[in-house]
Amino acid sequence: MKTLIIYAHPDVKGHCSVFLDVTLKELKERKMDYKLVDLYKLKYDPVLKADELYSSGKTKISKENLAFQKDIAEADKLIFIYPLWWNNMPAILKGFFDRVFVPKFAFEFIKGIPNGLLNGKKAAVFITSGASTLVSFLFMGNRGKKAITKDVLGYCGIKTKVFQFGSARHLNDKTIERINANVVDGLNWLYD
């Protein structure tokens, strides 16, 4: 089955782009089928519209978002690559979740209790952060990590593991080696 990669970073050269390049290289070497969705290149509109709000009772889903839902439904492996900004994902990715991971597709409520509808899928999440991983843990409680694992993907039933890359301020040979190792670890976990 296909792997779906969701990439959310506007910069063409940096830590996230190296994560993407290494991921694509590794998937090709492993002869894995994949599809890449680059939200910035697509100029994805992250703004939730009034007629998309599920609590309105008249949820409208655009053709673009229906196509994303189809890709997600067909993939058993998901890869997300993005930076932490203000201890959370970029707005474009948050808007993607708001508009694509909607009730009756990603989750449902049974007697008021949420039930994930994307069970059986696994996601490897590669996050870069200017702060060190230790600082993220000690002072910020890993909120960025928890947001994706528990509040979004876990809520939808997706088994998720985050591979956080801290101190991503200067790109050099040493950091590229660390990124390579991080990607290999992530893909090994994903395809285990």
N, C-alpha and C. Protein backbone atom coordinates (compact mmCIF):
# COMPACT_ATOMS: atom_id res chain seq x y z
N MET A 1 0.84 -1.19 0.00
CA MET A 1 0.00 0.00 0.00
C MET A 1 0.88 1.24 0.00
N LYS A 2 0.35 2.29 -0.48
CA LYS A 2 1.04 3.56 -0.66
C LYS A 2 1.32 4.28 0.67
N THR A 3 2.43 5.00 0.71
CA THR A 3 2.77 5.88 1.81
C THR A 3 2.45 7.30 1.38
N LEU A 4 1.78 8.04 2.24
CA LEU A 4 1.45 9.43 1.96
C LEU A 4 2.34 10.33 2.82
N ILE A 5 3.03 11.25 2.16
CA ILE A 5 3.91 12.20 2.86
C ILE A 5 3.24 13.57 2.81
N ILE A 6 3.06 14.17 3.98
CA ILE A 6 2.52 15.53 4.08
C ILE A 6 3.67 16.41 4.55
N TYR A 7 4.05 17.37 3.71
CA TYR A 7 5.18 18.25 3.98
C TYR A 7 4.66 19.66 4.18
N ALA A 8 5.10 20.31 5.29
CA ALA A 8 4.58 21.64 5.60
C ALA A 8 5.71 22.57 6.04
N HIS A 9 6.45 23.06 5.06
CA HIS A 9 7.48 24.06 5.34
C HIS A 9 7.69 24.88 4.07
N PRO A 10 7.71 26.23 4.19
CA PRO A 10 7.83 27.07 2.99
C PRO A 10 9.25 27.23 2.46
N ASP A 11 10.25 26.94 3.27
CA ASP A 11 11.64 27.16 2.88
C ASP A 11 12.13 25.99 2.03
N VAL A 12 12.86 26.31 0.97
CA VAL A 12 13.34 25.25 0.09
C VAL A 12 14.65 24.63 0.56
N LYS A 13 15.41 25.30 1.39
CA LYS A 13 16.68 24.76 1.90
C LYS A 13 16.74 24.91 3.41
N GLY A 14 16.79 23.81 4.09
CA GLY A 14 16.86 23.83 5.55
C GLY A 14 16.68 22.43 6.11
N HIS A 15 16.50 22.36 7.41
CA HIS A 15 16.39 21.07 8.08
C HIS A 15 15.21 20.25 7.57
N CYS A 16 14.06 20.87 7.43
CA CYS A 16 12.88 20.13 6.96
C CYS A 16 13.07 19.62 5.53
N SER A 17 13.67 20.45 4.68
CA SER A 17 13.88 20.00 3.29
C SER A 17 14.87 18.84 3.24
N VAL A 18 15.85 18.83 4.14
CA VAL A 18 16.78 17.69 4.19
C VAL A 18 16.03 16.45 4.67
N PHE A 19 15.16 16.61 5.68
CA PHE A 19 14.33 15.48 6.11
C PHE A 19 13.52 14.93 4.94
N LEU A 20 12.94 15.81 4.15
CA LEU A 20 12.16 15.37 3.00
C LEU A 20 13.04 14.66 1.98
N ASP A 21 14.17 15.26 1.62
CA ASP A 21 15.08 14.65 0.63
C ASP A 21 15.54 13.26 1.07
N VAL A 22 15.94 13.14 2.33
CA VAL A 22 16.42 11.85 2.84
C VAL A 22 15.27 10.83 2.86
N THR A 23 14.08 11.27 3.25
CA THR A 23 12.92 10.38 3.28
C THR A 23 12.62 9.85 1.88
N LEU A 24 12.59 10.74 0.89
CA LEU A 24 12.31 10.32 -0.48
C LEU A 24 13.39 9.36 -0.99
N LYS A 25 14.64 9.65 -0.69
CA LYS A 25 15.76 8.78 -1.10
C LYS A 25 15.61 7.40 -0.47
N GLU A 26 15.34 7.36 0.83
CA GLU A 26 15.19 6.08 1.54
C GLU A 26 14.01 5.27 1.00
N LEU A 27 12.90 5.95 0.73
CA LEU A 27 11.71 5.24 0.21
C LEU A 27 12.00 4.67 -1.17
N LYS A 28 12.73 5.43 -2.00
CA LYS A 28 13.09 4.92 -3.33
C LYS A 28 14.01 3.72 -3.22
N GLU A 29 15.00 3.81 -2.32
CA GLU A 29 15.92 2.69 -2.13
C GLU A 29 15.20 1.44 -1.63
N ARG A 30 14.16 1.64 -0.82
CA ARG A 30 13.39 0.52 -0.28
C ARG A 30 12.29 0.07 -1.25
N LYS A 31 12.22 0.76 -2.40
CA LYS A 31 11.22 0.46 -3.43
C LYS A 31 9.78 0.55 -2.88
N MET A 32 9.55 1.60 -2.07
CA MET A 32 8.25 1.84 -1.48
C MET A 32 7.48 2.85 -2.34
N ASP A 33 6.22 2.56 -2.58
CA ASP A 33 5.35 3.46 -3.33
C ASP A 33 4.92 4.60 -2.40
N TYR A 34 5.01 5.84 -2.89
CA TYR A 34 4.63 6.97 -2.05
C TYR A 34 4.02 8.08 -2.90
N LYS A 35 3.33 8.97 -2.20
CA LYS A 35 2.81 10.19 -2.82
C LYS A 35 3.18 11.34 -1.89
N LEU A 36 3.66 12.44 -2.47
CA LEU A 36 4.05 13.61 -1.70
C LEU A 36 3.00 14.71 -1.86
N VAL A 37 2.59 15.27 -0.72
CA VAL A 37 1.71 16.45 -0.71
C VAL A 37 2.50 17.56 -0.03
N ASP A 38 2.91 18.55 -0.81
CA ASP A 38 3.65 19.70 -0.30
C ASP A 38 2.64 20.85 -0.17
N LEU A 39 2.19 21.11 1.04
CA LEU A 39 1.10 22.07 1.26
C LEU A 39 1.45 23.47 0.80
N TYR A 40 2.69 23.90 0.96
CA TYR A 40 3.08 25.25 0.53
C TYR A 40 3.16 25.33 -0.99
N LYS A 41 3.73 24.32 -1.63
CA LYS A 41 3.81 24.35 -3.10
C LYS A 41 2.41 24.34 -3.72
N LEU A 42 1.48 23.64 -3.05
CA LEU A 42 0.10 23.60 -3.54
C LEU A 42 -0.66 24.88 -3.23
N LYS A 43 -0.05 25.73 -2.39
CA LYS A 43 -0.73 26.95 -1.92
C LYS A 43 -2.05 26.58 -1.26
N TYR A 44 -1.98 25.55 -0.43
CA TYR A 44 -3.18 25.06 0.26
C TYR A 44 -3.78 26.16 1.13
N ASP A 45 -5.09 26.32 1.04
CA ASP A 45 -5.81 27.31 1.84
C ASP A 45 -6.20 26.66 3.17
N PRO A 46 -5.58 27.07 4.28
CA PRO A 46 -5.86 26.43 5.56
C PRO A 46 -7.09 26.97 6.29
N VAL A 47 -7.75 27.97 5.72
CA VAL A 47 -8.84 28.63 6.43
C VAL A 47 -10.14 27.81 6.33
N LEU A 48 -10.63 27.39 7.49
CA LEU A 48 -11.89 26.65 7.57
C LEU A 48 -13.04 27.59 7.24
N LYS A 49 -13.86 27.20 6.29
CA LYS A 49 -14.98 28.02 5.86
C LYS A 49 -16.21 27.72 6.72
N ALA A 50 -17.14 28.67 6.78
CA ALA A 50 -18.34 28.51 7.61
C ALA A 50 -19.14 27.27 7.19
N ASP A 51 -19.21 27.00 5.88
CA ASP A 51 -20.00 25.84 5.43
C ASP A 51 -19.26 24.51 5.60
N GLU A 52 -18.00 24.56 6.08
CA GLU A 52 -17.24 23.35 6.36
C GLU A 52 -17.31 22.96 7.84
N LEU A 53 -17.81 23.85 8.65
CA LEU A 53 -17.85 23.63 10.09
C LEU A 53 -18.87 22.54 10.40
N TYR A 54 -18.38 21.41 10.94
CA TYR A 54 -19.26 20.26 11.12
C TYR A 54 -20.39 20.53 12.09
N SER A 55 -20.20 21.44 13.03
CA SER A 55 -21.27 21.72 14.00
C SER A 55 -22.44 22.48 13.35
N SER A 56 -22.24 23.00 12.12
CA SER A 56 -23.33 23.69 11.43
C SER A 56 -24.36 22.70 10.89
N GLY A 57 -23.99 21.42 10.83
CA GLY A 57 -24.91 20.40 10.34
C GLY A 57 -24.94 20.28 8.84
N LYS A 58 -24.22 21.11 8.14
CA LYS A 58 -24.22 21.07 6.67
C LYS A 58 -22.80 21.09 6.13
N THR A 59 -22.02 20.16 6.59
CA THR A 59 -20.60 20.14 6.25
C THR A 59 -20.39 19.98 4.75
N LYS A 60 -19.66 20.92 4.18
CA LYS A 60 -19.28 20.87 2.78
C LYS A 60 -17.78 20.56 2.72
N ILE A 61 -17.40 19.62 1.86
CA ILE A 61 -15.99 19.28 1.71
C ILE A 61 -15.60 19.55 0.26
N SER A 62 -14.58 20.36 0.07
CA SER A 62 -14.15 20.72 -1.28
C SER A 62 -13.62 19.50 -2.02
N LYS A 63 -13.56 19.60 -3.36
CA LYS A 63 -13.01 18.51 -4.18
C LYS A 63 -11.56 18.23 -3.80
N GLU A 64 -10.80 19.30 -3.54
CA GLU A 64 -9.40 19.13 -3.15
C GLU A 64 -9.29 18.33 -1.85
N ASN A 65 -10.10 18.67 -0.86
CA ASN A 65 -10.04 17.97 0.42
C ASN A 65 -10.59 16.56 0.33
N LEU A 66 -11.57 16.33 -0.54
CA LEU A 66 -12.05 14.96 -0.78
C LEU A 66 -10.94 14.10 -1.39
N ALA A 67 -10.14 14.71 -2.28
CA ALA A 67 -9.02 13.98 -2.88
C ALA A 67 -7.97 13.65 -1.81
N PHE A 68 -7.72 14.58 -0.89
CA PHE A 68 -6.79 14.29 0.21
C PHE A 68 -7.33 13.17 1.09
N GLN A 69 -8.63 13.18 1.36
CA GLN A 69 -9.23 12.11 2.15
C GLN A 69 -9.07 10.76 1.46
N LYS A 70 -9.23 10.75 0.15
CA LYS A 70 -9.05 9.50 -0.61
C LYS A 70 -7.60 9.01 -0.48
N ASP A 71 -6.64 9.92 -0.60
CA ASP A 71 -5.23 9.56 -0.45
C ASP A 71 -4.96 8.98 0.93
N ILE A 72 -5.51 9.61 1.96
CA ILE A 72 -5.32 9.15 3.33
C ILE A 72 -5.96 7.78 3.52
N ALA A 73 -7.16 7.61 2.99
CA ALA A 73 -7.86 6.33 3.12
C ALA A 73 -7.08 5.20 2.44
N GLU A 74 -6.44 5.49 1.32
CA GLU A 74 -5.71 4.47 0.57
C GLU A 74 -4.33 4.18 1.14
N ALA A 75 -3.81 5.07 1.96
CA ALA A 75 -2.47 4.89 2.54
C ALA A 75 -2.58 4.18 3.87
N ASP A 76 -1.67 3.24 4.11
CA ASP A 76 -1.62 2.65 5.45
C ASP A 76 -0.48 3.24 6.26
N LYS A 77 0.42 3.98 5.60
CA LYS A 77 1.54 4.66 6.26
C LYS A 77 1.48 6.14 5.91
N LEU A 78 1.66 6.97 6.93
CA LEU A 78 1.67 8.42 6.75
C LEU A 78 2.99 8.96 7.30
N ILE A 79 3.52 9.96 6.63
CA ILE A 79 4.71 10.64 7.10
C ILE A 79 4.42 12.14 7.09
N PHE A 80 4.67 12.79 8.21
CA PHE A 80 4.50 14.23 8.31
C PHE A 80 5.87 14.84 8.60
N ILE A 81 6.20 15.91 7.89
CA ILE A 81 7.46 16.62 8.09
C ILE A 81 7.13 18.11 8.21
N TYR A 82 7.51 18.69 9.37
CA TYR A 82 7.23 20.11 9.58
C TYR A 82 8.04 20.64 10.76
N PRO A 83 8.16 21.97 10.86
CA PRO A 83 8.85 22.58 12.00
C PRO A 83 7.87 22.88 13.13
N LEU A 84 8.41 23.01 14.32
CA LEU A 84 7.61 23.54 15.43
C LEU A 84 7.79 25.04 15.45
N TRP A 85 6.69 25.75 15.37
CA TRP A 85 6.70 27.20 15.50
C TRP A 85 5.76 27.54 16.65
N TRP A 86 6.22 28.31 17.59
CA TRP A 86 5.44 28.63 18.78
C TRP A 86 4.92 27.35 19.43
N ASN A 87 5.78 26.34 19.42
CA ASN A 87 5.52 25.05 20.07
C ASN A 87 4.33 24.31 19.45
N ASN A 88 4.09 24.53 18.17
CA ASN A 88 3.01 23.84 17.48
C ASN A 88 3.33 23.76 15.99
N MET A 89 2.48 23.06 15.27
CA MET A 89 2.66 22.90 13.83
C MET A 89 2.36 24.21 13.11
N PRO A 90 2.86 24.39 11.89
CA PRO A 90 2.54 25.58 11.10
C PRO A 90 1.03 25.67 10.85
N ALA A 91 0.53 26.87 10.71
CA ALA A 91 -0.91 27.10 10.52
C ALA A 91 -1.44 26.35 9.30
N ILE A 92 -0.64 26.24 8.25
CA ILE A 92 -1.10 25.56 7.04
C ILE A 92 -1.41 24.08 7.32
N LEU A 93 -0.63 23.45 8.19
CA LEU A 93 -0.89 22.05 8.54
C LEU A 93 -2.08 21.94 9.48
N LYS A 94 -2.19 22.86 10.42
CA LYS A 94 -3.36 22.87 11.33
C LYS A 94 -4.63 23.03 10.52
N GLY A 95 -4.61 23.93 9.54
CA GLY A 95 -5.78 24.11 8.68
C GLY A 95 -6.08 22.87 7.84
N PHE A 96 -5.05 22.17 7.40
CA PHE A 96 -5.23 20.92 6.68
C PHE A 96 -5.98 19.92 7.56
N PHE A 97 -5.55 19.79 8.82
CA PHE A 97 -6.26 18.88 9.73
C PHE A 97 -7.70 19.34 9.94
N ASP A 98 -7.91 20.64 10.14
CA ASP A 98 -9.26 21.17 10.36
C ASP A 98 -10.19 20.86 9.20
N ARG A 99 -9.67 20.94 7.98
CA ARG A 99 -10.52 20.82 6.79
C ARG A 99 -10.59 19.41 6.22
N VAL A 100 -9.61 18.54 6.54
CA VAL A 100 -9.56 17.20 5.94
C VAL A 100 -9.93 16.11 6.95
N PHE A 101 -9.43 16.21 8.16
CA PHE A 101 -9.67 15.19 9.19
C PHE A 101 -10.98 15.52 9.92
N VAL A 102 -12.07 15.41 9.21
CA VAL A 102 -13.37 15.82 9.72
C VAL A 102 -14.18 14.62 10.23
N PRO A 103 -15.25 14.93 11.01
CA PRO A 103 -16.12 13.84 11.48
C PRO A 103 -16.68 13.04 10.30
N LYS A 104 -16.92 11.78 10.55
CA LYS A 104 -17.41 10.80 9.59
C LYS A 104 -16.34 10.36 8.60
N PHE A 105 -15.18 11.02 8.63
CA PHE A 105 -14.03 10.54 7.88
C PHE A 105 -12.94 10.08 8.84
N ALA A 106 -12.51 10.98 9.73
CA ALA A 106 -11.39 10.68 10.63
C ALA A 106 -11.84 10.20 12.00
N PHE A 107 -13.02 10.60 12.42
CA PHE A 107 -13.55 10.20 13.72
C PHE A 107 -15.06 10.37 13.72
N GLU A 108 -15.67 9.81 14.76
CA GLU A 108 -17.11 9.97 14.97
C GLU A 108 -17.34 10.01 16.47
N PHE A 109 -18.52 10.45 16.86
CA PHE A 109 -18.88 10.43 18.27
C PHE A 109 -19.93 9.35 18.48
N ILE A 110 -19.67 8.48 19.43
CA ILE A 110 -20.64 7.45 19.81
C ILE A 110 -21.04 7.75 21.25
N LYS A 111 -22.29 8.18 21.40
CA LYS A 111 -22.81 8.59 22.72
C LYS A 111 -21.91 9.64 23.36
N GLY A 112 -21.45 10.58 22.54
CA GLY A 112 -20.63 11.67 23.02
C GLY A 112 -19.16 11.36 23.20
N ILE A 113 -18.76 10.12 22.93
CA ILE A 113 -17.37 9.73 23.10
C ILE A 113 -16.72 9.60 21.72
N PRO A 114 -15.56 10.26 21.52
CA PRO A 114 -14.91 10.18 20.20
C PRO A 114 -14.37 8.79 19.91
N ASN A 115 -14.53 8.39 18.67
CA ASN A 115 -14.05 7.10 18.19
C ASN A 115 -13.28 7.34 16.89
N GLY A 116 -12.00 6.97 16.86
CA GLY A 116 -11.18 7.15 15.66
C GLY A 116 -11.61 6.23 14.54
N LEU A 117 -11.64 6.74 13.33
CA LEU A 117 -12.04 5.96 12.16
C LEU A 117 -10.86 5.61 11.25
N LEU A 118 -9.65 6.01 11.62
CA LEU A 118 -8.49 5.73 10.79
C LEU A 118 -7.57 4.70 11.45
N ASN A 119 -8.18 3.77 12.16
CA ASN A 119 -7.45 2.70 12.83
C ASN A 119 -6.70 1.86 11.81
N GLY A 120 -5.58 1.28 12.24
CA GLY A 120 -4.79 0.42 11.37
C GLY A 120 -3.72 1.17 10.59
N LYS A 121 -3.72 2.49 10.68
CA LYS A 121 -2.71 3.29 10.01
C LYS A 121 -1.61 3.65 11.00
N LYS A 122 -0.39 3.85 10.47
CA LYS A 122 0.74 4.30 11.28
C LYS A 122 1.28 5.59 10.68
N ALA A 123 1.76 6.45 11.57
CA ALA A 123 2.35 7.71 11.10
C ALA A 123 3.68 7.96 11.79
N ALA A 124 4.68 8.28 10.99
CA ALA A 124 5.97 8.76 11.50
C ALA A 124 5.96 10.27 11.29
N VAL A 125 6.27 10.99 12.35
CA VAL A 125 6.23 12.45 12.31
C VAL A 125 7.64 12.97 12.58
N PHE A 126 8.18 13.70 11.60
CA PHE A 126 9.49 14.31 11.74
C PHE A 126 9.31 15.80 11.99
N ILE A 127 9.68 16.22 13.20
CA ILE A 127 9.50 17.61 13.62
C ILE A 127 10.88 18.22 13.86
N THR A 128 11.09 19.43 13.35
CA THR A 128 12.31 20.17 13.66
C THR A 128 11.97 21.31 14.61
N SER A 129 12.94 21.66 15.44
CA SER A 129 12.73 22.72 16.42
C SER A 129 14.04 23.45 16.67
N GLY A 130 13.97 24.75 16.79
CA GLY A 130 15.16 25.52 17.13
C GLY A 130 15.61 25.24 18.56
N ALA A 131 14.64 24.97 19.44
CA ALA A 131 14.97 24.62 20.83
C ALA A 131 15.49 23.19 20.88
N SER A 132 16.32 22.92 21.85
CA SER A 132 16.80 21.56 22.01
C SER A 132 15.65 20.66 22.45
N THR A 133 15.78 19.37 22.21
CA THR A 133 14.75 18.42 22.62
C THR A 133 14.59 18.43 24.13
N LEU A 134 15.68 18.60 24.86
CA LEU A 134 15.63 18.66 26.32
C LEU A 134 14.83 19.88 26.78
N VAL A 135 15.07 21.03 26.18
CA VAL A 135 14.33 22.25 26.53
C VAL A 135 12.85 22.06 26.21
N SER A 136 12.55 21.46 25.06
CA SER A 136 11.16 21.20 24.69
C SER A 136 10.47 20.32 25.73
N PHE A 137 11.22 19.36 26.25
CA PHE A 137 10.65 18.46 27.25
C PHE A 137 10.52 19.13 28.61
N LEU A 138 11.61 19.73 29.09
CA LEU A 138 11.61 20.28 30.45
C LEU A 138 10.76 21.54 30.61
N PHE A 139 10.86 22.46 29.68
CA PHE A 139 10.21 23.75 29.85
C PHE A 139 8.87 23.88 29.12
N MET A 140 8.69 23.08 28.10
CA MET A 140 7.45 23.21 27.33
C MET A 140 6.59 21.95 27.39
N GLY A 141 7.06 20.95 28.11
CA GLY A 141 6.26 19.74 28.30
C GLY A 141 5.97 18.96 27.04
N ASN A 142 6.80 19.14 26.02
CA ASN A 142 6.59 18.43 24.74
C ASN A 142 5.19 18.65 24.17
N ARG A 143 4.65 19.86 24.34
CA ARG A 143 3.29 20.13 23.86
C ARG A 143 3.16 19.93 22.35
N GLY A 144 4.19 20.32 21.60
CA GLY A 144 4.13 20.14 20.15
C GLY A 144 4.03 18.67 19.76
N LYS A 145 4.75 17.84 20.49
CA LYS A 145 4.72 16.39 20.25
C LYS A 145 3.36 15.81 20.64
N LYS A 146 2.86 16.22 21.80
CA LYS A 146 1.57 15.71 22.28
C LYS A 146 0.42 16.14 21.37
N ALA A 147 0.51 17.35 20.82
CA ALA A 147 -0.56 17.85 19.96
C ALA A 147 -0.78 16.94 18.77
N ILE A 148 0.30 16.46 18.15
CA ILE A 148 0.15 15.62 16.97
C ILE A 148 -0.16 14.17 17.35
N THR A 149 0.50 13.64 18.39
CA THR A 149 0.32 12.22 18.72
C THR A 149 -1.02 11.93 19.38
N LYS A 150 -1.43 12.78 20.29
CA LYS A 150 -2.66 12.52 21.04
C LYS A 150 -3.86 13.31 20.52
N ASP A 151 -3.67 14.62 20.34
CA ASP A 151 -4.80 15.49 20.03
C ASP A 151 -5.28 15.40 18.58
N VAL A 152 -4.41 14.99 17.67
CA VAL A 152 -4.83 14.92 16.26
C VAL A 152 -4.83 13.47 15.78
N LEU A 153 -3.67 12.92 15.54
CA LEU A 153 -3.61 11.59 14.92
C LEU A 153 -4.12 10.49 15.84
N GLY A 154 -3.73 10.53 17.10
CA GLY A 154 -4.21 9.53 18.05
C GLY A 154 -5.73 9.58 18.21
N TYR A 155 -6.28 10.77 18.20
CA TYR A 155 -7.73 10.99 18.30
C TYR A 155 -8.46 10.28 17.16
N CYS A 156 -7.78 10.21 16.02
CA CYS A 156 -8.37 9.59 14.82
C CYS A 156 -8.03 8.10 14.71
N GLY A 157 -7.32 7.56 15.69
CA GLY A 157 -7.01 6.14 15.71
C GLY A 157 -5.70 5.75 15.05
N ILE A 158 -4.88 6.73 14.70
CA ILE A 158 -3.62 6.46 14.00
C ILE A 158 -2.49 6.26 15.02
N LYS A 159 -1.80 5.13 14.92
CA LYS A 159 -0.64 4.87 15.77
C LYS A 159 0.49 5.77 15.29
N THR A 160 1.03 6.58 16.21
CA THR A 160 1.96 7.63 15.81
C THR A 160 3.22 7.64 16.67
N LYS A 161 4.34 7.91 16.02
CA LYS A 161 5.59 8.12 16.75
C LYS A 161 6.26 9.36 16.18
N VAL A 162 6.69 10.23 17.08
CA VAL A 162 7.35 11.48 16.69
C VAL A 162 8.86 11.30 16.80
N PHE A 163 9.56 11.79 15.78
CA PHE A 163 11.01 11.83 15.76
C PHE A 163 11.38 13.31 15.73
N GLN A 164 11.59 13.86 16.92
CA GLN A 164 11.84 15.29 17.05
C GLN A 164 13.31 15.59 16.94
N PHE A 165 13.64 16.57 16.13
CA PHE A 165 15.02 16.97 15.87
C PHE A 165 15.21 18.37 16.43
N GLY A 166 15.83 18.46 17.61
CA GLY A 166 16.02 19.74 18.28
C GLY A 166 17.30 20.43 17.86
N SER A 167 17.42 21.67 18.29
CA SER A 167 18.58 22.53 18.00
C SER A 167 18.81 22.66 16.49
N ALA A 168 17.74 22.74 15.74
CA ALA A 168 17.82 22.83 14.28
C ALA A 168 17.99 24.29 13.86
N ARG A 169 19.17 24.81 14.14
CA ARG A 169 19.44 26.21 13.81
C ARG A 169 20.50 26.36 12.73
N HIS A 170 21.44 25.44 12.69
CA HIS A 170 22.52 25.52 11.71
C HIS A 170 22.63 24.19 10.98
N LEU A 171 22.56 24.25 9.69
CA LEU A 171 22.66 23.04 8.87
C LEU A 171 24.11 22.82 8.46
N ASN A 172 24.66 21.67 8.86
CA ASN A 172 26.03 21.34 8.49
C ASN A 172 26.12 19.82 8.31
N ASP A 173 27.30 19.32 8.02
CA ASP A 173 27.48 17.88 7.77
C ASP A 173 27.04 17.03 8.96
N LYS A 174 27.35 17.50 10.17
CA LYS A 174 26.99 16.74 11.37
C LYS A 174 25.47 16.65 11.53
N THR A 175 24.76 17.77 11.32
CA THR A 175 23.30 17.73 11.46
C THR A 175 22.68 16.89 10.35
N ILE A 176 23.25 16.93 9.16
CA ILE A 176 22.73 16.10 8.06
C ILE A 176 22.89 14.62 8.39
N GLU A 177 24.01 14.24 9.01
CA GLU A 177 24.19 12.86 9.46
C GLU A 177 23.13 12.47 10.48
N ARG A 178 22.86 13.38 11.42
CA ARG A 178 21.82 13.11 12.44
C ARG A 178 20.44 12.99 11.79
N ILE A 179 20.17 13.81 10.80
CA ILE A 179 18.89 13.73 10.10
C ILE A 179 18.77 12.38 9.39
N ASN A 180 19.84 11.95 8.71
CA ASN A 180 19.83 10.65 8.05
C ASN A 180 19.48 9.54 9.03
N ALA A 181 20.13 9.54 10.19
CA ALA A 181 19.89 8.51 11.20
C ALA A 181 18.46 8.59 11.72
N ASN A 182 17.95 9.81 11.89
CA ASN A 182 16.59 10.02 12.38
C ASN A 182 15.58 9.45 11.39
N VAL A 183 15.78 9.70 10.11
CA VAL A 183 14.87 9.20 9.08
C VAL A 183 14.90 7.68 9.02
N VAL A 184 16.09 7.10 9.06
CA VAL A 184 16.21 5.64 9.03
C VAL A 184 15.47 5.03 10.22
N ASP A 185 15.66 5.60 11.41
CA ASP A 185 14.95 5.12 12.61
C ASP A 185 13.44 5.24 12.42
N GLY A 186 13.00 6.36 11.89
CA GLY A 186 11.57 6.58 11.68
C GLY A 186 10.96 5.61 10.68
N LEU A 187 11.66 5.40 9.58
CA LEU A 187 11.14 4.48 8.56
C LEU A 187 11.19 3.03 9.03
N ASN A 188 12.24 2.69 9.78
CA ASN A 188 12.29 1.35 10.35
C ASN A 188 11.11 1.10 11.28
N TRP A 189 10.77 2.09 12.11
CA TRP A 189 9.61 1.97 12.99
C TRP A 189 8.32 1.88 12.17
N LEU A 190 8.21 2.73 11.17
CA LEU A 190 6.99 2.79 10.37
C LEU A 190 6.72 1.49 9.63
N TYR A 191 7.77 0.89 9.10
CA TYR A 191 7.60 -0.32 8.27
C TYR A 191 7.89 -1.60 9.05
N ASP A 192 8.00 -1.50 10.38
CA ASP A 192 8.23 -2.67 11.22
C ASP A 192 7.02 -3.59 11.21
